[in-house]
Amino acid sequence: MSIWVYTNIECTGCGHTFSDKTVDGLNLTRNPWIRQSILDGTLNTYRCPACDQVIMLERPFTYTDLDRKQLMLVRPRRHQPAWRNAERDIEDLFHIYVANEPSRTLFDAQDLAAFKVRVVFGYAALREKLLLWDNGLDDALVELVKMTLLRDRPELVARNFQHIVVDTVDREDHLLRLILVRPDGTEPLLVDYDLDIVDELESRRYDLEASYPELFEHAFVDLRRYA
């Protein structure tokens, strides 16, 4: 089941403190409606009763969706430097409670091979995974699109655009839109690609898996593992 706890929340605008429910664990198998709040960007979002400012509270939790065979460890963005430990934690969790669950009847070998086991940092990264999978896109290949962007436009690194997430997948317009952000929160940059770029990478999957095995075989599917 999903777990909710009451937490004291301090407004970043006026300093007022109030209490509200925050998510501490998500089981989408039993609460599918919560998924839409992630896609809408409203999960763990609150409005300060004193000054009306909108506050997003990042909390660590485990995301489970057995119907879609998705298991993710969600951590705040500031924890990203410790991705190796988080990756190990979610991979261990998968092996203990899913791959080796006591009855050995819930999932067969084909199910286990199809499971998406990930660690993500921040709700934007969580939303990105759901958006990509809903549109049948491989998140490892999309990370390689991001790497292609930085390779082709090195000035983006010089301008301190340190984080790239998928903003939009539009099948009708055949569009993949990336949003690049700076740590200081200044104006982001939008970059559009034709979805054909993912198909082209798919055609080279064998070679890419050999060149970037960690990206295809482990839970931190993010170009920053190579930083």
C-alpha atoms as a PDB file:
ATOM      1  CA  MET A   1       0.000   0.000   0.000  1.00  0.00           C
ATOM      2  CA  SER A   2       0.985   3.651  -0.283  1.00  0.00           C
ATOM      3  CA  ILE A   3       2.266   5.286   2.881  1.00  0.00           C
ATOM      4  CA  TRP A   4       1.461   8.847   3.924  1.00  0.00           C
ATOM      5  CA  VAL A   5       2.818  10.655   6.967  1.00  0.00           C
ATOM      6  CA  TYR A   6       2.097  14.047   8.491  1.00  0.00           C
ATOM      7  CA  THR A   7       5.103  16.338   8.214  1.00  0.00           C
ATOM      8  CA  ASN A   8       5.894  19.843   9.418  1.00  0.00           C
ATOM      9  CA  ILE A   9       6.473  21.995   6.333  1.00  0.00           C
ATOM     10  CA  GLU A  10       8.282  25.334   6.495  1.00  0.00           C
ATOM     11  CA  CYS A  11       7.345  27.842   3.820  1.00  0.00           C
ATOM     12  CA  THR A  12      10.393  28.965   1.856  1.00  0.00           C
ATOM     13  CA  GLY A  13       8.737  32.350   1.294  1.00  0.00           C
ATOM     14  CA  CYS A  14       7.499  33.568   4.668  1.00  0.00           C
ATOM     15  CA  GLY A  15       8.870  30.972   7.086  1.00  0.00           C
ATOM     16  CA  HIS A  16       5.426  29.905   8.298  1.00  0.00           C
ATOM     17  CA  THR A  17       5.298  26.262   9.461  1.00  0.00           C
ATOM     18  CA  PHE A  18       2.269  24.052   8.916  1.00  0.00           C
ATOM     19  CA  SER A  19       1.499  20.334   8.907  1.00  0.00           C
ATOM     20  CA  ASP A  20       0.220  18.247   6.003  1.00  0.00           C
ATOM     21  CA  LYS A  21       0.324  14.731   4.580  1.00  0.00           C
ATOM     22  CA  THR A  22       3.369  13.808   2.508  1.00  0.00           C
ATOM     23  CA  VAL A  23       4.051  10.623   0.612  1.00  0.00           C
ATOM     24  CA  ASP A  24       6.502   8.204   2.214  1.00  0.00           C
ATOM     25  CA  GLY A  25       5.999   5.262  -0.139  1.00  0.00           C
ATOM     26  CA  LEU A  26       3.997   4.765  -3.336  1.00  0.00           C
ATOM     27  CA  ASN A  27       2.276   1.575  -4.431  1.00  0.00           C
ATOM     28  CA  LEU A  28       0.722   2.401  -7.777  1.00  0.00           C
ATOM     29  CA  THR A  29      -0.704  -1.087  -8.065  1.00  0.00           C
ATOM     30  CA  ARG A  30      -3.283  -0.091  -5.457  1.00  0.00           C
ATOM     31  CA  ASN A  31      -3.398   3.683  -5.965  1.00  0.00           C
ATOM     32  CA  PRO A  32      -3.193   4.341  -9.722  1.00  0.00           C
ATOM     33  CA  TRP A  33      -4.593   7.871  -9.367  1.00  0.00           C
ATOM     34  CA  ILE A  34      -1.361   9.030  -7.699  1.00  0.00           C
ATOM     35  CA  ARG A  35       0.494   8.460 -10.954  1.00  0.00           C
ATOM     36  CA  GLN A  36      -1.274  11.386 -12.599  1.00  0.00           C
ATOM     37  CA  SER A  37      -0.114  13.723  -9.820  1.00  0.00           C
ATOM     38  CA  ILE A  38       3.484  12.839 -10.746  1.00  0.00           C
ATOM     39  CA  LEU A  39       2.870  13.563 -14.424  1.00  0.00           C
ATOM     40  CA  ASP A  40       1.098  16.818 -13.504  1.00  0.00           C
ATOM     41  CA  GLY A  41       3.946  17.882 -11.217  1.00  0.00           C
ATOM     42  CA  THR A  42       1.680  18.173  -8.168  1.00  0.00           C
ATOM     43  CA  LEU A  43       2.975  15.319  -5.999  1.00  0.00           C
ATOM     44  CA  ASN A  44       3.936  16.564  -2.503  1.00  0.00           C
ATOM     45  CA  THR A  45       3.045  20.120  -3.550  1.00  0.00           C
ATOM     46  CA  TYR A  46       1.433  22.454  -1.021  1.00  0.00           C
ATOM     47  CA  ARG A  47       0.165  26.011  -0.768  1.00  0.00           C
ATOM     48  CA  CYS A  48       1.275  27.982   2.280  1.00  0.00           C
ATOM     49  CA  PRO A  49      -1.805  29.030   4.301  1.00  0.00           C
ATOM     50  CA  ALA A  50      -0.061  32.232   5.380  1.00  0.00           C
ATOM     51  CA  CYS A  51       1.324  33.680   2.140  1.00  0.00           C
ATOM     52  CA  ASP A  52      -0.160  31.411  -0.579  1.00  0.00           C
ATOM     53  CA  GLN A  53       3.258  30.406  -1.953  1.00  0.00           C
ATOM     54  CA  VAL A  54       3.439  26.995  -3.631  1.00  0.00           C
ATOM     55  CA  ILE A  55       5.952  24.641  -2.017  1.00  0.00           C
ATOM     56  CA  MET A  56       7.256  21.320  -3.339  1.00  0.00           C
ATOM     57  CA  LEU A  57       8.605  19.006  -0.668  1.00  0.00           C
ATOM     58  CA  GLU A  58      11.053  16.396  -1.917  1.00  0.00           C
ATOM     59  CA  ARG A  59      11.035  13.250   0.199  1.00  0.00           C
ATOM     60  CA  PRO A  60      12.745   9.912  -0.323  1.00  0.00           C
ATOM     61  CA  PHE A  61      10.407   7.016  -1.061  1.00  0.00           C
ATOM     62  CA  THR A  62      10.040   3.773  -2.990  1.00  0.00           C
ATOM     63  CA  TYR A  63       7.810   3.709  -6.072  1.00  0.00           C
ATOM     64  CA  THR A  64       6.190   0.350  -6.853  1.00  0.00           C
ATOM     65  CA  ASP A  65       3.963  -0.465  -9.815  1.00  0.00           C
ATOM     66  CA  LEU A  66       3.753  -4.219 -10.168  1.00  0.00           C
ATOM     67  CA  ASP A  67       1.214  -4.067 -12.994  1.00  0.00           C
ATOM     68  CA  ARG A  68       3.691  -2.149 -15.155  1.00  0.00           C
ATOM     69  CA  LYS A  69       6.690  -3.960 -13.645  1.00  0.00           C
ATOM     70  CA  GLN A  70       8.324  -0.777 -12.372  1.00  0.00           C
ATOM     71  CA  LEU A  71      10.311  -0.383  -9.165  1.00  0.00           C
ATOM     72  CA  MET A  72      12.093   2.857  -8.361  1.00  0.00           C
ATOM     73  CA  LEU A  73      13.935   4.441  -5.509  1.00  0.00           C
ATOM     74  CA  VAL A  74      13.182   8.177  -5.464  1.00  0.00           C
ATOM     75  CA  ARG A  75      15.644  10.460  -3.686  1.00  0.00           C
ATOM     76  CA  PRO A  76      15.925  14.275  -3.397  1.00  0.00           C
ATOM     77  CA  ARG A  77      18.059  15.967  -6.044  1.00  0.00           C
ATOM     78  CA  ARG A  78      20.692  16.938  -3.493  1.00  0.00           C
ATOM     79  CA  HIS A  79      21.421  13.229  -2.868  1.00  0.00           C
ATOM     80  CA  GLN A  80      22.520  12.580  -6.465  1.00  0.00           C
ATOM     81  CA  PRO A  81      26.285  12.453  -5.657  1.00  0.00           C
ATOM     82  CA  ALA A  82      25.546   9.295  -3.621  1.00  0.00           C
ATOM     83  CA  TRP A  83      23.984   7.503  -6.608  1.00  0.00           C
ATOM     84  CA  ARG A  84      26.191   4.433  -6.258  1.00  0.00           C
ATOM     85  CA  ASN A  85      24.779   3.625  -2.815  1.00  0.00           C
ATOM     86  CA  ALA A  86      21.214   4.312  -3.937  1.00  0.00           C
ATOM     87  CA  GLU A  87      21.669   2.121  -7.017  1.00  0.00           C
ATOM     88  CA  ARG A  88      22.905  -0.734  -4.896  1.00  0.00           C
ATOM     89  CA  ASP A  89      19.978  -0.302  -2.472  1.00  0.00           C
ATOM     90  CA  ILE A  90      17.251  -0.556  -5.131  1.00  0.00           C
ATOM     91  CA  GLU A  91      18.960  -3.432  -6.950  1.00  0.00           C
ATOM     92  CA  ASP A  92      19.227  -5.338  -3.648  1.00  0.00           C
ATOM     93  CA  LEU A  93      15.570  -4.561  -2.903  1.00  0.00           C
ATOM     94  CA  PHE A  94      14.534  -5.953  -6.275  1.00  0.00           C
ATOM     95  CA  HIS A  95      16.499  -9.169  -5.853  1.00  0.00           C
ATOM     96  CA  ILE A  96      15.282  -9.806  -2.304  1.00  0.00           C
ATOM     97  CA  TYR A  97      11.591  -8.884  -2.545  1.00  0.00           C
ATOM     98  CA  VAL A  98      10.765  -9.385  -6.236  1.00  0.00           C
ATOM     99  CA  ALA A  99      13.158 -11.771  -7.948  1.00  0.00           C
ATOM    100  CA  ASN A 100      13.389 -13.993  -4.878  1.00  0.00           C
ATOM    101  CA  GLU A 101       9.958 -13.404  -3.336  1.00  0.00           C
ATOM    102  CA  PRO A 102       9.063 -16.334  -1.037  1.00  0.00           C
ATOM    103  CA  SER A 103       6.248 -17.910  -3.065  1.00  0.00           C
ATOM    104  CA  ARG A 104       8.173 -17.731  -6.362  1.00  0.00           C
ATOM    105  CA  THR A 105       4.755 -17.586  -8.092  1.00  0.00           C
ATOM    106  CA  LEU A 106       4.184 -13.854  -8.747  1.00  0.00           C
ATOM    107  CA  PHE A 107       6.645 -13.446 -11.597  1.00  0.00           C
ATOM    108  CA  ASP A 108       8.190 -15.765 -14.135  1.00  0.00           C
ATOM    109  CA  ALA A 109      11.568 -15.303 -15.812  1.00  0.00           C
ATOM    110  CA  GLN A 110      10.035 -13.235 -18.620  1.00  0.00           C
ATOM    111  CA  ASP A 111       8.381 -10.904 -16.106  1.00  0.00           C
ATOM    112  CA  LEU A 112      11.612 -10.409 -14.186  1.00  0.00           C
ATOM    113  CA  ALA A 113      13.541  -9.622 -17.360  1.00  0.00           C
ATOM    114  CA  ALA A 114      10.942  -6.966 -18.225  1.00  0.00           C
ATOM    115  CA  PHE A 115      11.129  -5.203 -14.837  1.00  0.00           C
ATOM    116  CA  LYS A 116      12.355  -1.624 -14.875  1.00  0.00           C
ATOM    117  CA  VAL A 117      14.438  -1.059 -11.744  1.00  0.00           C
ATOM    118  CA  ARG A 118      15.672   2.505 -11.357  1.00  0.00           C
ATOM    119  CA  VAL A 119      16.975   5.101  -8.942  1.00  0.00           C
ATOM    120  CA  VAL A 120      16.023   8.711  -9.708  1.00  0.00           C
ATOM    121  CA  PHE A 121      16.821  12.010  -8.042  1.00  0.00           C
ATOM    122  CA  GLY A 122      14.008  14.550  -7.897  1.00  0.00           C
ATOM    123  CA  TYR A 123      10.403  14.423  -9.046  1.00  0.00           C
ATOM    124  CA  ALA A 124      11.241  15.777 -12.516  1.00  0.00           C
ATOM    125  CA  ALA A 125      13.429  12.708 -13.090  1.00  0.00           C
ATOM    126  CA  LEU A 126      10.635  10.454 -11.812  1.00  0.00           C
ATOM    127  CA  ARG A 127       8.154  12.121 -14.158  1.00  0.00           C
ATOM    128  CA  GLU A 128      10.592  11.711 -17.045  1.00  0.00           C
ATOM    129  CA  LYS A 129      10.757   7.937 -16.584  1.00  0.00           C
ATOM    130  CA  LEU A 130       6.972   7.583 -16.574  1.00  0.00           C
ATOM    131  CA  LEU A 131       6.612   9.852 -19.599  1.00  0.00           C
ATOM    132  CA  LEU A 132       9.169   7.886 -21.607  1.00  0.00           C
ATOM    133  CA  TRP A 133       7.799   4.475 -20.710  1.00  0.00           C
ATOM    134  CA  ASP A 134       4.229   5.567 -21.426  1.00  0.00           C
ATOM    135  CA  ASN A 135       5.410   6.408 -24.932  1.00  0.00           C
ATOM    136  CA  GLY A 136       7.348   3.200 -25.432  1.00  0.00           C
ATOM    137  CA  LEU A 137      10.775   4.853 -25.279  1.00  0.00           C
ATOM    138  CA  ASP A 138      13.888   3.317 -23.746  1.00  0.00           C
ATOM    139  CA  ASP A 139      15.250   5.676 -21.104  1.00  0.00           C
ATOM    140  CA  ALA A 140      18.819   4.470 -21.706  1.00  0.00           C
ATOM    141  CA  LEU A 141      18.600   5.507 -25.348  1.00  0.00           C
ATOM    142  CA  VAL A 142      17.192   8.894 -24.337  1.00  0.00           C
ATOM    143  CA  GLU A 143      20.167   9.406 -22.026  1.00  0.00           C
ATOM    144  CA  LEU A 144      22.352   8.838 -25.072  1.00  0.00           C
ATOM    145  CA  VAL A 145      20.365  11.556 -26.873  1.00  0.00           C
ATOM    146  CA  LYS A 146      21.305  13.891 -24.018  1.00  0.00           C
ATOM    147  CA  MET A 147      24.934  12.852 -24.322  1.00  0.00           C
ATOM    148  CA  THR A 148      24.777  13.565 -28.051  1.00  0.00           C
ATOM    149  CA  LEU A 149      23.438  17.041 -27.311  1.00  0.00           C
ATOM    150  CA  LEU A 150      26.307  17.851 -24.936  1.00  0.00           C
ATOM    151  CA  ARG A 151      28.838  16.415 -27.372  1.00  0.00           C
ATOM    152  CA  ASP A 152      27.487  18.486 -30.259  1.00  0.00           C
ATOM    153  CA  ARG A 153      27.034  21.659 -28.212  1.00  0.00           C
ATOM    154  CA  PRO A 154      29.866  21.848 -25.640  1.00  0.00           C
ATOM    155  CA  GLU A 155      29.041  25.510 -24.977  1.00  0.00           C
ATOM    156  CA  LEU A 156      26.052  24.287 -22.951  1.00  0.00           C
ATOM    157  CA  VAL A 157      28.415  22.827 -20.361  1.00  0.00           C
ATOM    158  CA  ALA A 158      30.380  26.082 -20.309  1.00  0.00           C
ATOM    159  CA  ARG A 159      27.110  27.940 -19.668  1.00  0.00           C
ATOM    160  CA  ASN A 160      26.516  25.673 -16.639  1.00  0.00           C
ATOM    161  CA  PHE A 161      23.465  23.805 -17.908  1.00  0.00           C
ATOM    162  CA  GLN A 162      24.064  20.876 -15.598  1.00  0.00           C
ATOM    163  CA  HIS A 163      20.803  18.951 -15.678  1.00  0.00           C
ATOM    164  CA  ILE A 164      18.716  17.742 -18.616  1.00  0.00           C
ATOM    165  CA  VAL A 165      15.246  16.206 -18.326  1.00  0.00           C
ATOM    166  CA  VAL A 166      12.573  15.299 -20.831  1.00  0.00           C
ATOM    167  CA  ASP A 167       9.771  17.838 -20.816  1.00  0.00           C
ATOM    168  CA  THR A 168       7.537  16.526 -23.614  1.00  0.00           C
ATOM    169  CA  VAL A 169       7.052  13.460 -25.784  1.00  0.00           C
ATOM    170  CA  ASP A 170       4.621  14.199 -28.619  1.00  0.00           C
ATOM    171  CA  ARG A 171       3.943  11.209 -30.839  1.00  0.00           C
ATOM    172  CA  GLU A 172       1.659  13.202 -33.133  1.00  0.00           C
ATOM    173  CA  ASP A 173       4.340  15.789 -33.927  1.00  0.00           C
ATOM    174  CA  HIS A 174       7.120  13.194 -33.571  1.00  0.00           C
ATOM    175  CA  LEU A 175       8.782  15.439 -30.983  1.00  0.00           C
ATOM    176  CA  LEU A 176      11.116  14.861 -28.065  1.00  0.00           C
ATOM    177  CA  ARG A 177      11.626  18.058 -26.062  1.00  0.00           C
ATOM    178  CA  LEU A 178      14.445  18.374 -23.557  1.00  0.00           C
ATOM    179  CA  ILE A 179      14.683  21.051 -20.900  1.00  0.00           C
ATOM    180  CA  LEU A 180      18.107  22.142 -19.639  1.00  0.00           C
ATOM    181  CA  VAL A 181      18.385  23.847 -16.275  1.00  0.00           C
ATOM    182  CA  ARG A 182      21.053  25.638 -14.291  1.00  0.00           C
ATOM    183  CA  PRO A 183      21.550  25.175 -10.537  1.00  0.00           C
ATOM    184  CA  ASP A 184      20.733  28.854  -9.908  1.00  0.00           C
ATOM    185  CA  GLY A 185      17.231  28.438 -11.327  1.00  0.00           C
ATOM    186  CA  THR A 186      17.662  31.002 -14.111  1.00  0.00           C
ATOM    187  CA  GLU A 187      15.813  30.705 -17.409  1.00  0.00           C
ATOM    188  CA  PRO A 188      15.933  27.110 -18.713  1.00  0.00           C
ATOM    189  CA  LEU A 189      16.721  26.184 -22.297  1.00  0.00           C
ATOM    190  CA  LEU A 190      14.429  24.037 -24.467  1.00  0.00           C
ATOM    191  CA  VAL A 191      15.886  21.781 -27.160  1.00  0.00           C
ATOM    192  CA  ASP A 192      13.702  19.806 -29.585  1.00  0.00           C
ATOM    193  CA  TYR A 193      14.594  16.583 -31.384  1.00  0.00           C
ATOM    194  CA  ASP A 194      12.730  14.526 -33.920  1.00  0.00           C
ATOM    195  CA  LEU A 195      11.881  11.148 -32.390  1.00  0.00           C
ATOM    196  CA  ASP A 196      13.733   9.564 -35.305  1.00  0.00           C
ATOM    197  CA  ILE A 197      16.912  10.094 -33.288  1.00  0.00           C
ATOM    198  CA  VAL A 198      15.755   7.451 -30.803  1.00  0.00           C
ATOM    199  CA  ASP A 199      14.929   5.040 -33.647  1.00  0.00           C
ATOM    200  CA  GLU A 200      18.396   5.602 -35.081  1.00  0.00           C
ATOM    201  CA  LEU A 201      19.995   4.795 -31.726  1.00  0.00           C
ATOM    202  CA  GLU A 202      17.785   1.712 -31.424  1.00  0.00           C
ATOM    203  CA  SER A 203      19.220   0.474 -34.717  1.00  0.00           C
ATOM    204  CA  ARG A 204      22.683   0.602 -33.084  1.00  0.00           C
ATOM    205  CA  ARG A 205      21.616  -0.887 -29.753  1.00  0.00           C
ATOM    206  CA  TYR A 206      24.042  -3.816 -29.852  1.00  0.00           C
ATOM    207  CA  ASP A 207      27.076  -1.556 -30.222  1.00  0.00           C
ATOM    208  CA  LEU A 208      25.748   0.977 -27.729  1.00  0.00           C
ATOM    209  CA  GLU A 209      25.144  -1.682 -25.086  1.00  0.00           C
ATOM    210  CA  ALA A 210      28.734  -2.790 -25.545  1.00  0.00           C
ATOM    211  CA  SER A 211      30.020   0.790 -25.243  1.00  0.00           C
ATOM    212  CA  TYR A 212      27.805   1.817 -22.296  1.00  0.00           C
ATOM    213  CA  PRO A 213      26.990  -1.418 -20.436  1.00  0.00           C
ATOM    214  CA  GLU A 214      26.324   0.291 -17.094  1.00  0.00           C
ATOM    215  CA  LEU A 215      23.614   2.447 -18.670  1.00  0.00           C
ATOM    216  CA  PHE A 216      21.715  -0.627 -19.881  1.00  0.00           C
ATOM    217  CA  GLU A 217      22.424  -3.031 -17.023  1.00  0.00           C
ATOM    218  CA  HIS A 218      22.050  -0.999 -13.814  1.00  0.00           C
ATOM    219  CA  ALA A 219      19.494   1.131 -12.014  1.00  0.00           C
ATOM    220  CA  PHE A 220      21.011   4.627 -12.343  1.00  0.00           C
ATOM    221  CA  VAL A 221      20.100   5.205 -15.975  1.00  0.00           C
ATOM    222  CA  ASP A 222      21.476   8.712 -16.207  1.00  0.00           C
ATOM    223  CA  LEU A 223      24.328  10.295 -18.154  1.00  0.00           C
ATOM    224  CA  ARG A 224      25.680  11.698 -14.866  1.00  0.00           C
ATOM    225  CA  ARG A 225      27.010   8.294 -13.937  1.00  0.00           C
ATOM    226  CA  TYR A 226      29.810   9.085 -16.403  1.00  0.00           C
ATOM    227  CA  ALA A 227      30.502  12.563 -15.015  1.00  0.00           C
END
